[in-house]
Protein backbone atom coordinates (compact mmCIF):
# COMPACT_ATOMS: atom_id res chain seq x y z
CA MET A 1 -12.10 -73.13 1.31
CA ARG A 2 -9.20 -75.13 2.68
CA GLN A 3 -10.19 -78.17 4.72
CA ILE A 4 -7.49 -78.88 7.30
CA ARG A 5 -7.37 -82.03 9.39
CA THR A 6 -4.02 -82.01 11.23
CA PRO A 7 -2.39 -79.56 13.66
CA GLU A 8 0.75 -79.52 11.51
CA GLU A 9 -1.19 -78.45 8.41
CA MET A 10 -3.06 -75.78 10.38
CA ALA A 11 0.17 -74.36 11.77
CA ALA A 12 1.71 -74.29 8.29
CA CYS A 13 -1.34 -72.54 6.85
CA ALA A 14 -1.31 -69.90 9.59
CA ALA A 15 2.40 -69.27 9.13
CA GLU A 16 1.88 -68.82 5.38
CA VAL A 17 -0.89 -66.26 5.98
CA LYS A 18 1.27 -64.36 8.47
CA ARG A 19 4.22 -64.25 6.08
CA SER A 20 1.97 -62.64 3.48
CA GLY A 21 1.13 -59.82 5.92
CA ARG A 22 -2.54 -60.76 6.24
CA THR A 23 -4.52 -60.76 9.49
CA ILE A 24 -6.34 -63.83 10.77
CA GLY A 25 -9.82 -63.86 12.29
CA PHE A 26 -10.73 -67.03 14.18
CA VAL A 27 -14.05 -68.55 15.22
CA PRO A 28 -13.71 -71.70 17.39
CA THR A 29 -16.83 -73.91 17.38
CA MET A 30 -18.01 -77.40 18.23
CA GLY A 31 -19.93 -77.64 14.97
CA ALA A 32 -23.65 -78.23 14.43
CA LEU A 33 -23.54 -74.66 13.16
CA HIS A 34 -26.48 -72.26 13.29
CA GLU A 35 -27.09 -68.62 12.50
CA GLY A 36 -25.39 -67.54 15.72
CA HIS A 37 -22.13 -69.12 14.58
CA LEU A 38 -22.50 -67.51 11.16
CA THR A 39 -22.89 -64.13 12.85
CA LEU A 40 -19.46 -64.67 14.41
CA VAL A 41 -18.04 -65.66 11.03
CA ARG A 42 -19.39 -62.49 9.42
CA GLN A 43 -17.89 -60.34 12.16
CA ALA A 44 -14.55 -62.07 11.62
CA ARG A 45 -14.81 -61.42 7.88
CA MET A 46 -15.30 -57.70 8.53
CA CYS A 47 -12.31 -57.53 10.87
CA ALA A 48 -9.69 -59.75 9.25
CA ASP A 49 -8.22 -60.72 5.90
CA PHE A 50 -8.25 -64.50 6.42
CA VAL A 51 -11.01 -66.30 8.35
CA VAL A 52 -10.47 -69.66 10.05
CA VAL A 53 -13.25 -71.68 11.72
CA SER A 54 -12.48 -74.73 13.84
CA ILE A 55 -14.91 -77.59 14.42
CA PHE A 56 -14.02 -79.81 17.35
CA VAL A 57 -16.34 -81.38 19.89
CA ASN A 58 -13.98 -81.11 22.82
CA PRO A 59 -14.29 -84.09 25.19
CA ALA A 60 -12.27 -82.30 27.87
CA GLN A 61 -15.09 -79.83 28.57
CA PHE A 62 -17.76 -82.50 29.13
CA GLY A 63 -18.29 -84.18 32.47
CA PRO A 64 -18.82 -87.97 32.82
CA ASN A 65 -22.61 -87.61 32.94
CA GLU A 66 -22.94 -84.91 30.27
CA ASP A 67 -23.99 -85.08 26.63
CA PHE A 68 -20.70 -85.60 24.79
CA ALA A 69 -21.92 -88.70 22.94
CA SER A 70 -25.25 -87.12 21.95
CA TYR A 71 -23.93 -83.63 21.15
CA PRO A 72 -25.15 -82.74 17.61
CA ARG A 73 -22.66 -83.39 14.83
CA ASP A 74 -23.14 -82.48 11.15
CA ILE A 75 -19.79 -81.94 9.49
CA GLU A 76 -21.15 -82.07 5.93
CA GLY A 77 -23.81 -79.46 6.68
CA ASP A 78 -21.26 -77.34 8.54
CA LEU A 79 -18.87 -77.35 5.59
CA ARG A 80 -21.63 -76.27 3.22
CA LEU A 81 -22.55 -73.34 5.47
CA LEU A 82 -18.95 -72.24 5.91
CA ASN A 83 -18.27 -72.44 2.19
CA SER A 84 -21.29 -70.22 1.53
CA GLU A 85 -19.87 -67.69 4.01
CA ARG A 86 -16.53 -67.56 2.13
CA VAL A 87 -14.55 -68.92 5.04
CA ASP A 88 -10.91 -69.31 4.01
CA ALA A 89 -10.05 -72.38 6.07
CA VAL A 90 -11.86 -74.84 8.32
CA PHE A 91 -9.89 -76.90 10.84
CA PHE A 92 -11.54 -80.10 12.05
CA PRO A 93 -9.00 -82.31 13.81
CA THR A 94 -9.64 -85.62 15.55
CA GLU A 95 -9.61 -86.14 19.30
CA ARG A 96 -6.42 -88.19 19.01
CA GLU A 97 -4.67 -85.35 17.19
CA MET A 98 -5.58 -82.77 19.81
CA TYR A 99 -5.07 -85.02 22.85
CA PRO A 100 -2.44 -87.58 21.84
CA GLU A 101 -1.48 -90.43 24.12
CA GLY A 102 0.33 -89.12 27.17
CA TYR A 103 -1.28 -85.68 27.05
CA ARG A 104 -1.18 -84.06 30.51
CA THR A 105 -1.07 -80.24 30.25
CA TRP A 106 -4.09 -78.18 31.30
CA VAL A 107 -4.99 -74.49 31.62
CA ASP A 108 -7.12 -73.27 34.51
CA VAL A 109 -8.33 -69.72 35.20
CA GLY A 110 -8.79 -69.81 38.96
CA GLY A 111 -11.42 -67.76 40.72
CA LEU A 112 -13.72 -67.47 37.70
CA SER A 113 -14.10 -71.06 36.53
CA GLU A 114 -15.78 -72.30 39.74
CA LYS A 115 -18.72 -69.88 39.64
CA LEU A 116 -22.08 -70.04 37.82
CA GLU A 117 -21.52 -72.82 35.25
CA GLY A 118 -18.56 -74.08 37.22
CA ARG A 119 -20.79 -74.99 40.18
CA PHE A 120 -22.62 -77.52 38.01
CA ARG A 121 -19.87 -78.44 35.53
CA PRO A 122 -16.63 -78.87 37.51
CA GLY A 123 -13.63 -78.96 35.21
CA HIS A 124 -15.60 -77.58 32.26
CA PHE A 125 -13.64 -74.37 31.87
CA ARG A 126 -10.33 -76.14 32.33
CA GLY A 127 -11.23 -78.09 29.22
CA VAL A 128 -12.43 -74.96 27.41
CA CYS A 129 -9.32 -72.91 28.19
CA THR A 130 -6.97 -75.74 27.30
CA ILE A 131 -8.45 -76.36 23.86
CA VAL A 132 -8.80 -72.65 23.08
CA LEU A 133 -5.16 -71.99 23.96
CA LYS A 134 -4.05 -74.97 21.84
CA LEU A 135 -6.11 -73.64 18.93
CA PHE A 136 -4.67 -70.14 19.36
CA CYS A 137 -1.16 -71.61 19.16
CA LEU A 138 -2.00 -73.33 15.86
CA VAL A 139 -4.20 -70.69 14.17
CA LEU A 140 -2.21 -67.60 15.31
CA PRO A 141 -5.28 -65.33 15.21
CA ASP A 142 -5.09 -61.57 15.44
CA ALA A 143 -8.69 -61.62 16.72
CA ALA A 144 -10.93 -64.42 17.99
CA PHE A 145 -14.71 -64.15 18.12
CA PHE A 146 -17.02 -65.51 20.82
CA GLY A 147 -20.75 -65.09 21.41
CA TRP A 148 -22.05 -63.33 24.50
CA LYS A 149 -24.58 -66.18 24.86
CA ASP A 150 -21.72 -68.04 26.56
CA ALA A 151 -20.84 -64.96 28.59
CA GLN A 152 -18.86 -66.72 31.31
CA GLN A 153 -16.79 -68.53 28.69
CA PHE A 154 -16.04 -65.22 26.96
CA ILE A 155 -15.07 -63.54 30.24
CA ILE A 156 -12.78 -66.42 31.24
CA ILE A 157 -11.06 -66.62 27.85
CA ARG A 158 -10.56 -62.86 27.86
CA ARG A 159 -8.94 -63.15 31.29
CA MET A 160 -6.74 -66.03 30.10
CA ALA A 161 -5.57 -63.97 27.11
CA THR A 162 -4.78 -61.01 29.37
CA ASP A 163 -3.00 -63.03 32.05
CA LEU A 164 -0.87 -64.96 29.53
CA ASN A 165 -0.12 -61.90 27.37
CA LEU A 166 -1.55 -63.62 24.31
CA PRO A 167 -1.25 -61.52 21.14
CA VAL A 168 -4.91 -61.95 20.21
CA ARG A 169 -7.89 -59.63 20.59
CA ILE A 170 -10.87 -61.39 22.19
CA VAL A 171 -14.07 -60.05 20.63
CA GLY A 172 -17.53 -60.56 22.12
CA VAL A 173 -20.46 -60.64 19.69
CA PRO A 174 -24.08 -60.09 20.84
CA THR A 175 -26.28 -63.14 21.35
CA TRP A 176 -28.19 -64.27 18.29
CA ARG A 177 -31.75 -65.28 19.10
CA GLU A 178 -34.27 -67.32 17.18
CA PRO A 179 -37.55 -65.58 16.25
CA ASP A 180 -39.26 -66.86 19.42
CA GLY A 181 -36.49 -65.43 21.63
CA LEU A 182 -34.62 -68.66 22.32
CA ALA A 183 -30.87 -68.02 22.44
CA GLY A 184 -29.07 -69.72 19.56
CA SER A 185 -27.52 -73.04 20.58
CA SER A 186 -26.58 -76.26 18.82
CA ARG A 187 -28.42 -78.07 21.61
CA ASN A 188 -31.71 -76.50 20.46
CA ARG A 189 -31.79 -79.21 17.77
CA ARG A 190 -32.44 -81.77 20.48
CA LEU A 191 -35.60 -80.08 21.79
CA SER A 192 -39.01 -81.40 20.87
CA ASP A 193 -41.64 -78.80 19.97
CA GLU A 194 -43.15 -79.14 23.44
CA HIS A 195 -39.82 -78.86 25.25
CA ARG A 196 -38.88 -75.88 23.12
CA ARG A 197 -42.02 -74.05 24.26
CA HIS A 198 -41.16 -74.80 27.88
CA ALA A 199 -37.52 -73.73 27.36
CA LEU A 200 -38.63 -70.20 26.48
CA CYS A 201 -39.27 -69.56 30.18
CA LEU A 202 -35.57 -68.77 30.67
CA SER A 203 -35.50 -66.01 28.06
CA ARG A 204 -38.84 -64.74 29.42
CA ALA A 205 -37.41 -64.55 32.93
CA LEU A 206 -34.34 -62.68 31.69
CA HIS A 207 -36.49 -60.35 29.61
CA PHE A 208 -38.56 -59.68 32.74
CA ILE A 209 -35.42 -58.63 34.62
CA ARG A 210 -34.29 -56.42 31.74
CA GLU A 211 -37.72 -54.78 31.50
CA LYS A 212 -37.89 -54.05 35.23
CA VAL A 213 -34.36 -52.65 35.23
CA SER A 214 -35.32 -50.35 32.35
CA GLN A 215 -38.16 -49.11 34.57
CA GLY A 216 -35.73 -48.25 37.35
CA GLU A 217 -35.74 -51.37 39.56
CA THR A 218 -32.28 -52.44 40.67
CA ASP A 219 -32.72 -54.65 43.76
CA THR A 220 -31.41 -58.05 42.71
CA GLU A 221 -33.10 -60.06 45.47
CA SER A 222 -36.55 -58.85 44.42
CA LEU A 223 -35.83 -59.18 40.70
CA LEU A 224 -34.49 -62.70 41.01
CA ALA A 225 -37.31 -63.92 43.24
CA ARG A 226 -39.92 -62.90 40.67
CA ALA A 227 -37.89 -64.12 37.69
CA ARG A 228 -37.31 -67.51 39.31
CA ARG A 229 -41.06 -67.87 39.78
CA ILE A 230 -41.53 -67.49 36.02
CA ILE A 231 -39.31 -70.53 35.53
CA ALA A 232 -40.77 -72.50 38.46
CA GLU A 233 -44.25 -72.20 36.96
CA GLU A 234 -43.17 -73.86 33.70
CA PRO A 235 -43.85 -77.64 33.71
CA GLY A 236 -40.92 -79.97 33.15
CA VAL A 237 -38.24 -77.33 33.61
CA VAL A 238 -35.52 -77.62 36.25
CA LEU A 239 -33.75 -74.39 37.18
CA GLN A 240 -30.09 -74.91 38.02
CA TYR A 241 -29.30 -71.27 38.70
CA LEU A 242 -30.43 -67.73 37.96
CA ASP A 243 -28.12 -65.08 39.38
CA ILE A 244 -27.12 -61.47 38.87
CA VAL A 245 -23.36 -60.94 39.00
CA ASP A 246 -20.69 -58.46 37.98
CA ILE A 247 -19.03 -59.30 34.65
CA GLU A 248 -15.46 -59.02 35.89
CA GLN A 249 -15.35 -61.29 38.96
CA LEU A 250 -18.73 -63.04 38.45
CA ASP A 251 -19.67 -62.34 42.06
CA PRO A 252 -23.29 -61.72 43.14
CA VAL A 253 -24.30 -58.08 43.45
CA ALA A 254 -26.99 -56.42 45.54
CA ARG A 255 -28.06 -53.99 42.81
CA VAL A 256 -28.06 -53.98 39.03
CA VAL A 257 -25.59 -51.42 37.70
CA PRO A 258 -23.69 -51.09 34.42
CA GLY A 259 -21.23 -53.96 34.23
CA THR A 260 -23.53 -56.62 35.68
CA MET A 261 -25.44 -59.46 34.06
CA ALA A 262 -28.27 -61.84 34.82
CA ALA A 263 -27.37 -65.41 33.85
CA GLY A 264 -29.17 -68.70 34.17
CA ALA A 265 -29.24 -72.38 33.24
CA ILE A 266 -32.14 -74.81 32.94
CA LEU A 267 -32.72 -78.47 32.14
CA VAL A 268 -35.66 -79.34 29.90
CA GLY A 269 -36.29 -82.64 28.17
CA GLY A 270 -32.79 -83.80 29.05
CA VAL A 271 -31.25 -80.76 27.35
CA ARG A 272 -29.26 -78.17 29.26
CA LEU A 273 -29.58 -74.56 28.08
CA ILE A 274 -27.98 -71.32 29.22
CA ASP A 275 -28.76 -67.67 28.56
CA ASN A 276 -28.02 -64.21 29.94
CA VAL A 277 -28.63 -60.50 29.61
CA VAL A 278 -25.96 -57.87 30.20
CA PHE A 279 -26.48 -54.38 31.65
CA PRO A 280 -26.41 -52.01 29.93
CA ALA A 281 -28.20 -53.87 27.18
CA ASP A 282 -25.69 -52.95 24.45
CA GLU A 283 -23.07 -55.69 24.40
CA PRO A 284 -19.75 -54.78 22.75
CA THR A 285 -19.48 -55.75 19.09
CA ALA A 286 -16.61 -56.34 16.73
CA GLY A 287 -15.41 -53.43 14.63
CA ARG A 288 -14.68 -53.32 10.94
CA LYS A 289 -11.16 -53.84 9.66
CA GLU A 290 -9.41 -50.76 8.46
CA GLY A 291 -8.63 -50.13 4.80
C-alpha cells in the first residue's frame, strides 16, 4: 500500500495508473475509520482496478464552534485497516498542503447547501465541495464512493459533478449500521455508554417513519409529529431537525413518495449525529466491475 503525503505525489501516482489503462476507485474520508468506511472501500474494490483512500480532516467544513479540534484522529489504526483491505494507495496530506498560504478559491452548490444541514452549519458544504473537487483533480477517479448516511452530502456532490461535467461516477452506498441500529459515524467514538443509548432515539424515530410508511401512511405532518415525540421523550437529547424532503431539491413534501427521505440531526453529550432513511428503502448500490 502506497502512503502518499503530497499533492504532487498523488497526482503522479494517478497519472501512472491512468497510463497503464487501469481504473481508479476513490473513497474520500476524514479518518477514524469504521466498518462503514470499509464497506465503501470494498465497493470500490469491486468496481475499480486501483483503490485510493484519502484521510484528511478538512478544516474548511467545520464552523468556528464545531468539533474540529476534538474530531477523532487515528492515522496508525486507519493505515492498518486499509492495508488489511488491500487498498492500493492512501493519501493523507497536511492542511498546509491542501490550503497553502493565499488560498482563496471555493466551490458552492447553491440552492442545496443551505437546507437541512446547511441551516445549522453555514458554509459546511462549501468546504466539503471544495475539498472533494480538489481531491478529484489529484486522484483522477473513474468512480468515487460515498455513504448514504451523509445523504445531503452525496446529493450535493452528485450535483456538483453533473454541473461541472466531471468525468467521475458518484456512487452512493447504503448506510452501515452498528448492531444496535446506530448509523456508523466516527463521532460515535465520543459517546459514553449512556449517551449512546440516548442517541438511538434518532434511528428509532426514523424506523418508526419507515414502518408506518410500509403500512400505507404517507402524510408527512402526522408522521413527523409522532417521530419528533420519540426524540423529545429521550432525556439529554436536543433535536435540531427532523424533516421529510425530496432527494433532488431537498424541499419539504406533503406526502412520502418514492424519491423522498426522512433526515434528522441531534445533539447528545456534546456530539452531533445525523441519520436518514430513503423511500423506497432500497438505496442504490455500487455495481461490480466488468471482466
